[in-house]
PDB file of N, CA and C in Angstrom:
ATOM      1  N   MET A   1      12.644   9.205  -6.189  1.00  0.00           N
ATOM      2  CA  MET A   1      11.644   9.163  -5.231  1.00  0.00           C
ATOM      3  C   MET A   1      10.566   9.770  -5.563  1.00  0.00           C
ATOM      4  N   ALA A   2      10.266  10.878  -6.507  1.00  0.00           N
ATOM      5  CA  ALA A   2       9.101  11.320  -6.646  1.00  0.00           C
ATOM      6  C   ALA A   2       8.063  10.547  -7.143  1.00  0.00           C
ATOM      7  N   PRO A   3       8.060   9.821  -7.910  1.00  0.00           N
ATOM      8  CA  PRO A   3       7.084   8.701  -8.211  1.00  0.00           C
ATOM      9  C   PRO A   3       6.453   8.219  -7.302  1.00  0.00           C
ATOM     10  N   MET A   4       7.271   7.615  -6.229  1.00  0.00           N
ATOM     11  CA  MET A   4       6.865   6.632  -5.344  1.00  0.00           C
ATOM     12  C   MET A   4       6.198   7.900  -4.282  1.00  0.00           C
ATOM     13  N   PHE A   5       6.923   8.847  -3.985  1.00  0.00           N
ATOM     14  CA  PHE A   5       5.743   9.997  -3.238  1.00  0.00           C
ATOM     15  C   PHE A   5       4.837  10.343  -3.994  1.00  0.00           C
ATOM     16  N   ASP A   6       4.720  10.734  -4.796  1.00  0.00           N
ATOM     17  CA  ASP A   6       3.575  10.895  -5.861  1.00  0.00           C
ATOM     18  C   ASP A   6       2.349   9.731  -5.550  1.00  0.00           C
ATOM     19  N   PHE A   7       2.565   8.621  -5.655  1.00  0.00           N
ATOM     20  CA  PHE A   7       1.881   7.101  -5.730  1.00  0.00           C
ATOM     21  C   PHE A   7       1.244   7.384  -4.516  1.00  0.00           C
ATOM     22  N   TYR A   8       1.950   7.110  -3.408  1.00  0.00           N
ATOM     23  CA  TYR A   8       1.395   6.850  -1.910  1.00  0.00           C
ATOM     24  C   TYR A   8       0.569   8.177  -1.247  1.00  0.00           C
ATOM     25  N   THR A   9       1.011   9.533  -1.896  1.00  0.00           N
ATOM     26  CA  THR A   9       0.136  10.559  -1.413  1.00  0.00           C
ATOM     27  C   THR A   9      -0.802  10.707  -2.249  1.00  0.00           C
ATOM     28  N   LYS A  10      -1.010  10.874  -3.568  1.00  0.00           N
ATOM     29  CA  LYS A  10      -1.780  11.158  -4.351  1.00  0.00           C
ATOM     30  C   LYS A  10      -2.835  10.107  -4.488  1.00  0.00           C
ATOM     31  N   VAL A  11      -2.204   8.785  -4.882  1.00  0.00           N
ATOM     32  CA  VAL A  11      -3.090   7.658  -5.212  1.00  0.00           C
ATOM     33  C   VAL A  11      -3.937   6.926  -4.195  1.00  0.00           C
ATOM     34  N   LEU A  12      -2.988   6.846  -2.862  1.00  0.00           N
ATOM     35  CA  LEU A  12      -3.127   6.121  -1.847  1.00  0.00           C
ATOM     36  C   LEU A  12      -3.509   7.170  -0.463  1.00  0.00           C
ATOM     37  N   GLY A  13      -3.668   8.369  -0.636  1.00  0.00           N
ATOM     38  CA  GLY A  13      -4.003   9.338   0.104  1.00  0.00           C
ATOM     39  C   GLY A  13      -3.022   9.414   1.544  1.00  0.00           C
ATOM     40  N   CYS A  14      -1.905   9.177   1.750  1.00  0.00           N
ATOM     41  CA  CYS A  14      -1.175   9.132   2.399  1.00  0.00           C
ATOM     42  C   CYS A  14      -0.532  10.321   3.240  1.00  0.00           C
ATOM     43  N   THR A  15      -0.041  10.807   3.739  1.00  0.00           N
ATOM     44  CA  THR A  15      -0.079  12.315   4.253  1.00  0.00           C
ATOM     45  C   THR A  15       1.555  12.228   5.154  1.00  0.00           C
ATOM     46  N   VAL A  16       1.701  13.708   5.292  1.00  0.00           N
ATOM     47  CA  VAL A  16       3.021  13.764   5.779  1.00  0.00           C
ATOM     48  C   VAL A  16       2.737  14.484   7.064  1.00  0.00           C
ATOM     49  N   ASP A  17       2.960  14.174   8.288  1.00  0.00           N
ATOM     50  CA  ASP A  17       2.655  14.895   9.299  1.00  0.00           C
ATOM     51  C   ASP A  17       3.571  16.231   9.538  1.00  0.00           C
ATOM     52  N   SER A  18       5.166  16.488   8.884  1.00  0.00           N
ATOM     53  CA  SER A  18       5.911  17.634   9.401  1.00  0.00           C
ATOM     54  C   SER A  18       6.477  17.454   8.010  1.00  0.00           C
ATOM     55  N   PRO A  19       7.022  18.745   7.653  1.00  0.00           N
ATOM     56  CA  PRO A  19       8.133  19.066   6.483  1.00  0.00           C
ATOM     57  C   PRO A  19       9.423  18.281   7.019  1.00  0.00           C
ATOM     58  N   ASP A  20       9.539  18.151   8.119  1.00  0.00           N
ATOM     59  CA  ASP A  20      10.997  17.304   8.819  1.00  0.00           C
ATOM     60  C   ASP A  20      10.660  15.700   8.328  1.00  0.00           C
ATOM     61  N   ASP A  21       9.548  15.533   8.026  1.00  0.00           N
ATOM     62  CA  ASP A  21       9.352  13.804   7.417  1.00  0.00           C
ATOM     63  C   ASP A  21       9.881  13.528   6.076  1.00  0.00           C
ATOM     64  N   ILE A  22      10.104  14.612   5.392  1.00  0.00           N
ATOM     65  CA  ILE A  22      10.412  14.692   3.994  1.00  0.00           C
ATOM     66  C   ILE A  22      12.160  14.600   4.053  1.00  0.00           C
ATOM     67  N   GLY A  23      12.731  13.933   3.175  1.00  0.00           N
ATOM     68  CA  GLY A  23      14.258  13.792   2.885  1.00  0.00           C
ATOM     69  C   GLY A  23      15.073  13.799   3.923  1.00  0.00           C
ATOM     70  N   ARG A  24      14.596  12.827   5.012  1.00  0.00           N
ATOM     71  CA  ARG A  24      15.459  12.752   5.881  1.00  0.00           C
ATOM     72  C   ARG A  24      16.992  12.039   5.572  1.00  0.00           C
ATOM     73  N   LEU A  25      17.900  11.896   6.515  1.00  0.00           N
ATOM     74  CA  LEU A  25      18.967  11.186   6.095  1.00  0.00           C
ATOM     75  C   LEU A  25      19.733  11.358   4.703  1.00  0.00           C
ATOM     76  N   ASN A  26      19.983  12.570   4.761  1.00  0.00           N
ATOM     77  CA  ASN A  26      20.527  13.152   3.545  1.00  0.00           C
ATOM     78  C   ASN A  26      19.640  13.242   2.328  1.00  0.00           C
ATOM     79  N   GLY A  27      18.180  13.281   2.346  1.00  0.00           N
ATOM     80  CA  GLY A  27      17.216  13.172   1.356  1.00  0.00           C
ATOM     81  C   GLY A  27      16.954  11.858   1.136  1.00  0.00           C
ATOM     82  N   LYS A  28      17.461  10.743   1.610  1.00  0.00           N
ATOM     83  CA  LYS A  28      16.917   9.233   1.195  1.00  0.00           C
ATOM     84  C   LYS A  28      15.785   8.729   1.904  1.00  0.00           C
ATOM     85  N   LEU A  29      15.394   9.471   3.044  1.00  0.00           N
ATOM     86  CA  LEU A  29      14.127   8.773   3.541  1.00  0.00           C
ATOM     87  C   LEU A  29      13.159   9.808   4.119  1.00  0.00           C
ATOM     88  N   THR A  30      11.858   9.224   3.869  1.00  0.00           N
ATOM     89  CA  THR A  30      10.264  10.128   3.760  1.00  0.00           C
ATOM     90  C   THR A  30       9.404   9.297   4.872  1.00  0.00           C
ATOM     91  N   HIS A  31       9.025   9.503   5.497  1.00  0.00           N
ATOM     92  CA  HIS A  31       7.844   9.308   6.519  1.00  0.00           C
ATOM     93  C   HIS A  31       6.632   9.479   5.750  1.00  0.00           C
ATOM     94  N   LEU A  32       5.378   8.490   5.867  1.00  0.00           N
ATOM     95  CA  LEU A  32       4.086   8.882   5.180  1.00  0.00           C
ATOM     96  C   LEU A  32       3.401   8.203   6.306  1.00  0.00           C
ATOM     97  N   ARG A  33       2.170   9.119   6.467  1.00  0.00           N
ATOM     98  CA  ARG A  33       1.296   8.667   7.373  1.00  0.00           C
ATOM     99  C   ARG A  33       0.418   7.913   6.427  1.00  0.00           C
ATOM    100  N   VAL A  34      -0.077   6.743   7.088  1.00  0.00           N
ATOM    101  CA  VAL A  34      -1.091   5.947   6.365  1.00  0.00           C
ATOM    102  C   VAL A  34      -2.593   6.359   7.354  1.00  0.00           C
ATOM    103  N   GLY A  35      -2.406   6.216   8.566  1.00  0.00           N
ATOM    104  CA  GLY A  35      -3.749   6.138   9.223  1.00  0.00           C
ATOM    105  C   GLY A  35      -2.803   6.600  10.770  1.00  0.00           C
ATOM    106  N   PRO A  36      -4.286   6.618  11.596  1.00  0.00           N
ATOM    107  CA  PRO A  36      -3.636   7.005  12.848  1.00  0.00           C
ATOM    108  C   PRO A  36      -2.702   6.090  13.732  1.00  0.00           C
ATOM    109  N   LYS A  37      -2.606   5.308  13.237  1.00  0.00           N
ATOM    110  CA  LYS A  37      -1.527   4.296  13.986  1.00  0.00           C
ATOM    111  C   LYS A  37      -0.507   3.668  13.036  1.00  0.00           C
ATOM    112  N   THR A  38      -0.349   3.811  11.653  1.00  0.00           N
ATOM    113  CA  THR A  38       0.569   3.386  10.531  1.00  0.00           C
ATOM    114  C   THR A  38       1.569   4.512  10.002  1.00  0.00           C
ATOM    115  N   MET A  39       2.708   3.879   9.568  1.00  0.00           N
ATOM    116  CA  MET A  39       3.393   4.901   8.844  1.00  0.00           C
ATOM    117  C   MET A  39       4.124   4.062   7.860  1.00  0.00           C
ATOM    118  N   ILE A  40       4.641   4.876   6.620  1.00  0.00           N
ATOM    119  CA  ILE A  40       5.055   4.028   5.453  1.00  0.00           C
ATOM    120  C   ILE A  40       6.558   4.820   5.505  1.00  0.00           C
ATOM    121  N   ASP A  41       7.448   3.981   5.524  1.00  0.00           N
ATOM    122  CA  ASP A  41       8.893   5.042   5.050  1.00  0.00           C
ATOM    123  C   ASP A  41       9.831   4.527   3.954  1.00  0.00           C
ATOM    124  N   LEU A  42       9.632   5.634   2.937  1.00  0.00           N
ATOM    125  CA  LEU A  42      10.220   5.445   1.460  1.00  0.00           C
ATOM    126  C   LEU A  42      11.787   5.101   1.524  1.00  0.00           C
ATOM    127  N   MET A  43      12.263   5.019   1.121  1.00  0.00           N
ATOM    128  CA  MET A  43      13.740   4.627   1.158  1.00  0.00           C
ATOM    129  C   MET A  43      14.101   4.996  -0.135  1.00  0.00           C
ATOM    130  N   GLU A  44      15.123   5.886  -0.453  1.00  0.00           N
ATOM    131  CA  GLU A  44      15.859   5.841  -1.829  1.00  0.00           C
ATOM    132  C   GLU A  44      16.852   4.974  -2.057  1.00  0.00           C
ATOM    133  N   GLN A  45      17.040   4.187  -2.972  1.00  0.00           N
ATOM    134  CA  GLN A  45      18.150   3.209  -3.032  1.00  0.00           C
ATOM    135  C   GLN A  45      19.269   3.991  -3.766  1.00  0.00           C
ATOM    136  N   ASP A  46      20.557   3.673  -3.897  1.00  0.00           N
ATOM    137  CA  ASP A  46      21.733   3.994  -4.684  1.00  0.00           C
ATOM    138  C   ASP A  46      21.034   3.564  -5.697  1.00  0.00           C
ATOM    139  N   SER A  47      21.428   4.292  -6.791  1.00  0.00           N
ATOM    140  CA  SER A  47      20.983   3.694  -8.504  1.00  0.00           C
ATOM    141  C   SER A  47      22.195   2.820  -8.594  1.00  0.00           C
ATOM    142  N   SER A  48      23.252   2.687  -8.021  1.00  0.00           N
ATOM    143  CA  SER A  48      24.455   1.492  -8.296  1.00  0.00           C
ATOM    144  C   SER A  48      24.058   0.362  -7.851  1.00  0.00           C
ATOM    145  N   GLU A  49      23.044   0.314  -6.558  1.00  0.00           N
ATOM    146  CA  GLU A  49      22.667  -1.035  -6.037  1.00  0.00           C
ATOM    147  C   GLU A  49      22.129  -1.638  -6.906  1.00  0.00           C
ATOM    148  N   LYS A  50      22.031  -3.005  -7.350  1.00  0.00           N
ATOM    149  CA  LYS A  50      21.292  -3.749  -8.029  1.00  0.00           C
ATOM    150  C   LYS A  50      20.388  -4.405  -6.991  1.00  0.00           C
ATOM    151  N   ILE A  51      19.008  -4.321  -7.326  1.00  0.00           N
ATOM    152  CA  ILE A  51      18.274  -4.688  -6.550  1.00  0.00           C
ATOM    153  C   ILE A  51      17.181  -5.960  -7.289  1.00  0.00           C
ATOM    154  N   VAL A  52      17.071  -6.634  -6.991  1.00  0.00           N
ATOM    155  CA  VAL A  52      16.455  -8.254  -7.514  1.00  0.00           C
ATOM    156  C   VAL A  52      14.960  -8.193  -6.840  1.00  0.00           C
ATOM    157  N   GLY A  53      14.224  -8.102  -7.263  1.00  0.00           N
ATOM    158  CA  GLY A  53      12.804  -8.795  -6.531  1.00  0.00           C
ATOM    159  C   GLY A  53      12.704  -7.731  -5.424  1.00  0.00           C
ATOM    160  N   THR A  54      11.722  -7.908  -4.654  1.00  0.00           N
ATOM    161  CA  THR A  54      11.186  -6.919  -3.249  1.00  0.00           C
ATOM    162  C   THR A  54      11.439  -8.241  -2.280  1.00  0.00           C
ATOM    163  N   PRO A  55      12.117  -8.259  -0.842  1.00  0.00           N
ATOM    164  CA  PRO A  55      12.182  -9.052   0.042  1.00  0.00           C
ATOM    165  C   PRO A  55      10.865  -9.305   1.048  1.00  0.00           C
ATOM    166  N   VAL A  56       9.800  -8.773   0.358  1.00  0.00           N
ATOM    167  CA  VAL A  56       8.185  -8.827   0.921  1.00  0.00           C
ATOM    168  C   VAL A  56       7.568  -8.949  -0.004  1.00  0.00           C
ATOM    169  N   ASP A  57       6.748  -9.931   0.165  1.00  0.00           N
ATOM    170  CA  ASP A  57       5.541 -10.721  -0.891  1.00  0.00           C
ATOM    171  C   ASP A  57       4.776  -9.416  -1.537  1.00  0.00           C
ATOM    172  N   HIS A  58       4.052  -8.949  -0.416  1.00  0.00           N
ATOM    173  CA  HIS A  58       2.960  -7.622  -0.421  1.00  0.00           C
ATOM    174  C   HIS A  58       2.844  -7.004   1.028  1.00  0.00           C
ATOM    175  N   PHE A  59       2.433  -6.009   0.858  1.00  0.00           N
ATOM    176  CA  PHE A  59       1.910  -5.422   2.562  1.00  0.00           C
ATOM    177  C   PHE A  59       0.438  -5.000   1.963  1.00  0.00           C
ATOM    178  N   CYS A  60      -0.352  -4.644   3.002  1.00  0.00           N
ATOM    179  CA  CYS A  60      -1.856  -4.968   3.091  1.00  0.00           C
ATOM    180  C   CYS A  60      -2.370  -3.729   3.785  1.00  0.00           C
ATOM    181  N   LEU A  61      -3.209  -2.637   2.906  1.00  0.00           N
ATOM    182  CA  LEU A  61      -3.966  -1.607   3.652  1.00  0.00           C
ATOM    183  C   LEU A  61      -5.294  -2.069   3.924  1.00  0.00           C
ATOM    184  N   ARG A  62      -5.572  -1.760   5.337  1.00  0.00           N
ATOM    185  CA  ARG A  62      -7.306  -1.830   5.231  1.00  0.00           C
ATOM    186  C   ARG A  62      -7.840  -0.565   5.028  1.00  0.00           C
ATOM    187  N   ILE A  63      -9.253  -0.984   4.012  1.00  0.00           N
ATOM    188  CA  ILE A  63      -9.858   0.200   3.651  1.00  0.00           C
ATOM    189  C   ILE A  63     -11.118  -0.060   4.106  1.00  0.00           C
ATOM    190  N   ASP A  64     -11.729   0.724   5.102  1.00  0.00           N
ATOM    191  CA  ASP A  64     -13.142   0.923   5.472  1.00  0.00           C
ATOM    192  C   ASP A  64     -13.583   2.133   5.390  1.00  0.00           C
ATOM    193  N   PRO A  65     -14.844   2.384   4.831  1.00  0.00           N
ATOM    194  CA  PRO A  65     -15.402   1.358   3.765  1.00  0.00           C
ATOM    195  C   PRO A  65     -15.061   0.911   2.696  1.00  0.00           C
ATOM    196  N   TYR A  66     -15.442  -0.307   2.032  1.00  0.00           N
ATOM    197  CA  TYR A  66     -14.827  -0.787   0.946  1.00  0.00           C
ATOM    198  C   TYR A  66     -15.554  -1.031  -0.050  1.00  0.00           C
ATOM    199  N   ASP A  67     -15.575  -0.204  -1.237  1.00  0.00           N
ATOM    200  CA  ASP A  67     -16.402  -0.601  -2.322  1.00  0.00           C
ATOM    201  C   ASP A  67     -15.612  -0.783  -3.421  1.00  0.00           C
ATOM    202  N   GLN A  68     -15.683  -2.094  -4.110  1.00  0.00           N
ATOM    203  CA  GLN A  68     -14.836  -2.707  -5.173  1.00  0.00           C
ATOM    204  C   GLN A  68     -14.611  -1.836  -6.399  1.00  0.00           C
ATOM    205  N   GLU A  69     -16.247  -1.736  -6.897  1.00  0.00           N
ATOM    206  CA  GLU A  69     -16.441  -1.230  -7.874  1.00  0.00           C
ATOM    207  C   GLU A  69     -15.672   0.379  -8.072  1.00  0.00           C
ATOM    208  N   LYS A  70     -15.877   1.214  -6.818  1.00  0.00           N
ATOM    209  CA  LYS A  70     -15.725   2.490  -6.968  1.00  0.00           C
ATOM    210  C   LYS A  70     -14.215   2.200  -6.982  1.00  0.00           C
ATOM    211  N   LEU A  71     -13.487   1.730  -5.960  1.00  0.00           N
ATOM    212  CA  LEU A  71     -11.884   1.476  -5.973  1.00  0.00           C
ATOM    213  C   LEU A  71     -11.331   1.112  -7.447  1.00  0.00           C
ATOM    214  N   GLU A  72     -11.976   0.066  -7.878  1.00  0.00           N
ATOM    215  CA  GLU A  72     -11.275   0.056  -9.152  1.00  0.00           C
ATOM    216  C   GLU A  72     -11.259   1.042  -9.983  1.00  0.00           C
ATOM    217  N   ALA A  73     -12.239   1.461 -10.442  1.00  0.00           N
ATOM    218  CA  ALA A  73     -12.673   2.750 -11.214  1.00  0.00           C
ATOM    219  C   ALA A  73     -11.693   3.836 -11.066  1.00  0.00           C
ATOM    220  N   TYR A  74     -11.551   4.097  -9.636  1.00  0.00           N
ATOM    221  CA  TYR A  74     -10.784   5.200  -9.579  1.00  0.00           C
ATOM    222  C   TYR A  74      -9.596   5.138  -9.591  1.00  0.00           C
ATOM    223  N   LEU A  75      -8.613   3.569  -9.506  1.00  0.00           N
ATOM    224  CA  LEU A  75      -7.718   3.202  -9.454  1.00  0.00           C
ATOM    225  C   LEU A  75      -7.307   3.206 -11.160  1.00  0.00           C
ATOM    226  N   LYS A  76      -8.254   2.351 -11.878  1.00  0.00           N
ATOM    227  CA  LYS A  76      -8.158   2.470 -13.650  1.00  0.00           C
ATOM    228  C   LYS A  76      -8.048   3.875 -14.297  1.00  0.00           C
ATOM    229  N   GLY A  77      -8.941   4.774 -13.587  1.00  0.00           N
ATOM    230  CA  GLY A  77      -8.555   5.890 -14.097  1.00  0.00           C
ATOM    231  C   GLY A  77      -7.667   6.752 -13.528  1.00  0.00           C
ATOM    232  N   LEU A  78      -6.746   6.078 -12.882  1.00  0.00           N
ATOM    233  CA  LEU A  78      -5.493   6.776 -12.424  1.00  0.00           C
ATOM    234  C   LEU A  78      -4.750   6.012 -13.452  1.00  0.00           C
ATOM    235  N   GLY A  79      -4.946   5.031 -14.030  1.00  0.00           N
ATOM    236  CA  GLY A  79      -3.953   4.412 -15.031  1.00  0.00           C
ATOM    237  C   GLY A  79      -3.554   3.338 -14.109  1.00  0.00           C
ATOM    238  N   ILE A  80      -3.816   2.776 -13.221  1.00  0.00           N
ATOM    239  CA  ILE A  80      -3.218   1.689 -12.465  1.00  0.00           C
ATOM    240  C   ILE A  80      -3.564   0.475 -12.659  1.00  0.00           C
ATOM    241  N   GLU A  81      -3.320  -0.330 -13.001  1.00  0.00           N
ATOM    242  CA  GLU A  81      -3.304  -1.869 -13.411  1.00  0.00           C
ATOM    243  C   GLU A  81      -3.790  -2.688 -12.252  1.00  0.00           C
ATOM    244  N   ILE A  82      -5.298  -3.488 -12.095  1.00  0.00           N
ATOM    245  CA  ILE A  82      -5.619  -4.038 -10.990  1.00  0.00           C
ATOM    246  C   ILE A  82      -4.566  -5.843 -11.461  1.00  0.00           C
ATOM    247  N   GLU A  83      -3.988  -6.195 -10.502  1.00  0.00           N
ATOM    248  CA  GLU A  83      -3.282  -7.213 -10.550  1.00  0.00           C
ATOM    249  C   GLU A  83      -4.175  -8.556 -10.276  1.00  0.00           C
ATOM    250  N   ASN A  84      -5.172  -8.045  -9.057  1.00  0.00           N
ATOM    251  CA  ASN A  84      -5.947  -9.296  -8.692  1.00  0.00           C
ATOM    252  C   ASN A  84      -6.871  -8.721  -7.876  1.00  0.00           C
ATOM    253  N   SER A  85      -7.923  -9.299  -8.083  1.00  0.00           N
ATOM    254  CA  SER A  85      -9.026  -9.023  -6.960  1.00  0.00           C
ATOM    255  C   SER A  85     -10.164 -10.431  -6.253  1.00  0.00           C
ATOM    256  N   GLY A  86     -10.771 -10.179  -5.259  1.00  0.00           N
ATOM    257  CA  GLY A  86     -11.171 -11.082  -5.008  1.00  0.00           C
ATOM    258  C   GLY A  86     -11.562 -11.468  -3.291  1.00  0.00           C
ATOM    259  N   MET A  87     -12.351 -12.251  -2.786  1.00  0.00           N
ATOM    260  CA  MET A  87     -12.214 -12.773  -1.814  1.00  0.00           C
ATOM    261  C   MET A  87     -10.800 -13.468  -1.119  1.00  0.00           C
ATOM    262  N   ARG A  88     -10.522 -12.763  -0.196  1.00  0.00           N
ATOM    263  CA  ARG A  88      -8.921 -13.607   0.339  1.00  0.00           C
ATOM    264  C   ARG A  88      -9.005 -13.419   1.880  1.00  0.00           C
ATOM    265  N   LYS A  89      -8.519 -14.579   2.632  1.00  0.00           N
ATOM    266  CA  LYS A  89      -8.225 -14.435   3.925  1.00  0.00           C
ATOM    267  C   LYS A  89      -7.396 -13.639   4.349  1.00  0.00           C
ATOM    268  N   GLY A  90      -7.584 -12.889   5.501  1.00  0.00           N
ATOM    269  CA  GLY A  90      -6.655 -11.900   6.143  1.00  0.00           C
ATOM    270  C   GLY A  90      -6.712 -12.188   7.386  1.00  0.00           C
ATOM    271  N   GLU A  91      -5.978 -11.368   8.374  1.00  0.00           N
ATOM    272  CA  GLU A  91      -5.782 -11.431   9.575  1.00  0.00           C
ATOM    273  C   GLU A  91      -7.095 -11.748  10.193  1.00  0.00           C
ATOM    274  N   GLN A  92      -8.078 -10.872  10.332  1.00  0.00           N
ATOM    275  CA  GLN A  92      -9.115 -10.733  10.611  1.00  0.00           C
ATOM    276  C   GLN A  92     -10.455 -11.455  10.155  1.00  0.00           C
ATOM    277  N   GLY A  93     -10.317 -12.063   9.106  1.00  0.00           N
ATOM    278  CA  GLY A  93     -10.877 -13.060   8.038  1.00  0.00           C
ATOM    279  C   GLY A  93     -11.083 -12.987   6.808  1.00  0.00           C
ATOM    280  N   VAL A  94     -12.231 -13.792   6.118  1.00  0.00           N
ATOM    281  CA  VAL A  94     -12.108 -13.494   4.995  1.00  0.00           C
ATOM    282  C   VAL A  94     -12.939 -12.290   4.323  1.00  0.00           C
ATOM    283  N   GLY A  95     -12.277 -11.451   3.394  1.00  0.00           N
ATOM    284  CA  GLY A  95     -13.058 -10.449   3.168  1.00  0.00           C
ATOM    285  C   GLY A  95     -12.497  -9.967   1.464  1.00  0.00           C
ATOM    286  N   PRO A  96     -12.908  -9.008   0.983  1.00  0.00           N
ATOM    287  CA  PRO A  96     -12.708  -8.457  -0.210  1.00  0.00           C
ATOM    288  C   PRO A  96     -11.496  -7.859  -0.242  1.00  0.00           C
ATOM    289  N   SER A  97     -10.364  -8.167  -1.563  1.00  0.00           N
ATOM    290  CA  SER A  97      -8.975  -7.500  -1.341  1.00  0.00           C
ATOM    291  C   SER A  97      -8.991  -7.103  -2.921  1.00  0.00           C
ATOM    292  N   THR A  98      -8.091  -6.017  -3.544  1.00  0.00           N
ATOM    293  CA  THR A  98      -7.760  -5.784  -4.858  1.00  0.00           C
ATOM    294  C   THR A  98      -6.496  -5.641  -4.493  1.00  0.00           C
ATOM    295  N   TYR A  99      -5.641  -5.959  -5.597  1.00  0.00           N
ATOM    296  CA  TYR A  99      -4.101  -6.014  -5.580  1.00  0.00           C
ATOM    297  C   TYR A  99      -3.461  -5.335  -6.815  1.00  0.00           C
ATOM    298  N   ILE A 100      -2.856  -4.519  -6.399  1.00  0.00           N
ATOM    299  CA  ILE A 100      -2.030  -3.348  -7.253  1.00  0.00           C
ATOM    300  C   ILE A 100      -0.292  -3.111  -6.708  1.00  0.00           C
ATOM    301  N   ARG A 101       0.115  -2.516  -7.621  1.00  0.00           N
ATOM    302  CA  ARG A 101       1.677  -2.348  -7.661  1.00  0.00           C
ATOM    303  C   ARG A 101       2.148  -0.689  -7.397  1.00  0.00           C
ATOM    304  N   ASP A 102       2.837  -0.735  -6.722  1.00  0.00           N
ATOM    305  CA  ASP A 102       3.376   0.749  -6.871  1.00  0.00           C
ATOM    306  C   ASP A 102       4.447   0.607  -7.586  1.00  0.00           C
ATOM    307  N   PRO A 103       4.821   2.293  -8.042  1.00  0.00           N
ATOM    308  CA  PRO A 103       6.006   2.454  -9.203  1.00  0.00           C
ATOM    309  C   PRO A 103       7.113   1.662  -9.404  1.00  0.00           C
ATOM    310  N   GLU A 104       7.781   1.389  -8.036  1.00  0.00           N
ATOM    311  CA  GLU A 104       8.789   0.020  -8.026  1.00  0.00           C
ATOM    312  C   GLU A 104       8.545  -1.024  -7.816  1.00  0.00           C
ATOM    313  N   GLY A 105       7.329  -1.630  -8.231  1.00  0.00           N
ATOM    314  CA  GLY A 105       7.030  -2.942  -8.336  1.00  0.00           C
ATOM    315  C   GLY A 105       6.553  -3.660  -7.166  1.00  0.00           C
ATOM    316  N   ASN A 106       6.236  -2.912  -5.916  1.00  0.00           N
ATOM    317  CA  ASN A 106       6.012  -3.615  -4.930  1.00  0.00           C
ATOM    318  C   ASN A 106       4.425  -3.713  -4.676  1.00  0.00           C
ATOM    319  N   THR A 107       4.044  -5.156  -4.064  1.00  0.00           N
ATOM    320  CA  THR A 107       2.677  -5.588  -4.177  1.00  0.00           C
ATOM    321  C   THR A 107       1.928  -5.066  -3.098  1.00  0.00           C
ATOM    322  N   ILE A 108       0.531  -4.258  -3.427  1.00  0.00           N
ATOM    323  CA  ILE A 108       0.298  -4.076  -2.083  1.00  0.00           C
ATOM    324  C   ILE A 108      -1.308  -4.480  -2.391  1.00  0.00           C
ATOM    325  N   GLU A 109      -1.959  -4.798  -1.184  1.00  0.00           N
ATOM    326  CA  GLU A 109      -3.388  -5.626  -0.929  1.00  0.00           C
ATOM    327  C   GLU A 109      -4.189  -4.516  -0.233  1.00  0.00           C
ATOM    328  N   LEU A 110      -5.276  -4.129  -1.061  1.00  0.00           N
ATOM    329  CA  LEU A 110      -5.990  -2.816  -0.618  1.00  0.00           C
ATOM    330  C   LEU A 110      -7.316  -3.896  -0.326  1.00  0.00           C
ATOM    331  N   LYS A 111      -7.431  -3.904   1.345  1.00  0.00           N
ATOM    332  CA  LYS A 111      -8.308  -5.014   1.770  1.00  0.00           C
ATOM    333  C   LYS A 111      -9.663  -4.424   2.333  1.00  0.00           C
ATOM    334  N   GLY A 112     -11.035  -4.852   1.914  1.00  0.00           N
ATOM    335  CA  GLY A 112     -11.727  -4.461   2.719  1.00  0.00           C
ATOM    336  C   GLY A 112     -12.222  -5.086   3.974  1.00  0.00           C
ATOM    337  N   PRO A 113     -13.054  -4.918   4.817  1.00  0.00           N
ATOM    338  CA  PRO A 113     -13.521  -5.408   6.408  1.00  0.00           C
ATOM    339  C   PRO A 113     -13.856  -6.957   5.825  1.00  0.00           C
ATOM    340  N   PRO A 114     -13.481  -7.515   6.707  1.00  0.00           N
ATOM    341  CA  PRO A 114     -14.061  -9.250   6.472  1.00  0.00           C
ATOM    342  C   PRO A 114     -15.235  -9.519   6.264  1.00  0.00           C
ATOM    343  N   ASN A 115     -16.225 -10.308   5.305  1.00  0.00           N
ATOM    344  CA  ASN A 115     -17.344 -10.810   5.517  1.00  0.00           C
ATOM    345  C   ASN A 115     -17.531 -12.138   6.579  1.00  0.00           C
ATOM    346  N   LYS A 116     -16.612 -12.709   6.420  1.00  0.00           N
ATOM    347  CA  LYS A 116     -16.469 -13.946   7.647  1.00  0.00           C
ATOM    348  C   LYS A 116     -15.500 -13.709   8.777  1.00  0.00           C
ATOM    349  N   PRO A 117     -15.660 -13.562   9.586  1.00  0.00           N
ATOM    350  CA  PRO A 117     -14.757 -13.141  10.874  1.00  0.00           C
ATOM    351  C   PRO A 117     -13.906 -14.852  11.273  1.00  0.00           C
ATOM    352  N   VAL A 118     -12.946 -14.432  11.521  1.00  0.00           N
ATOM    353  CA  VAL A 118     -11.603 -15.652  11.846  1.00  0.00           C
ATOM    354  C   VAL A 118     -12.187 -16.285  13.515  1.00  0.00           C
ATOM    355  N   ASP A 119     -12.856 -17.361  13.434  1.00  0.00           N
ATOM    356  CA  ASP A 119     -13.380 -17.764  14.475  1.00  0.00           C
ATOM    357  C   ASP A 119     -12.251 -18.278  15.446  1.00  0.00           C
ATOM    358  N   ASP A 120     -11.486 -19.226  14.872  1.00  0.00           N
ATOM    359  CA  ASP A 120     -10.637 -20.048  15.603  1.00  0.00           C
ATOM    360  C   ASP A 120      -9.130 -19.617  15.131  1.00  0.00           C
ATOM    361  N   ARG A 121      -8.188 -19.652  15.531  1.00  0.00           N
ATOM    362  CA  ARG A 121      -6.869 -19.557  15.290  1.00  0.00           C
ATOM    363  C   ARG A 121      -5.584 -20.490  15.648  1.00  0.00           C
ATOM    364  N   ASP A 122      -5.131 -21.294  14.700  1.00  0.00           N
ATOM    365  CA  ASP A 122      -4.339 -22.106  15.207  1.00  0.00           C
ATOM    366  C   ASP A 122      -2.778 -21.808  15.414  1.00  0.00           C
ATOM    367  N   ASP A 123      -2.443 -20.404  15.005  1.00  0.00           N
ATOM    368  CA  ASP A 123      -1.234 -19.813  15.288  1.00  0.00           C
ATOM    369  C   ASP A 123      -0.719 -19.254  16.534  1.00  0.00           C
TER     370      ASP A 123
END
């Protein structure tokens, strides 16, 4: 789990609220703080379990302020490949996004604030 912990804490800036949040459930579960209202749980899988793909297409972390040039330079400086970037529709409207993968191949969308807010919702 060390590569995942390092990625989420050192690259994305997640924090640990308490030492008790690391290695719970016999060392398999770690809670990481993303912001004031969000946490990510890292769960170590048994190496004998065959995992094919990921059950989630991607998840999104909102970044504000968002400077795409600085963000991409930072990520590239750490050797992290930019999978895709551009304007994308999100929950709050259309805005800039940068897609990367964590060490286990999960896709993460780093999303800036919307340039065009959502006016109507059909859902």
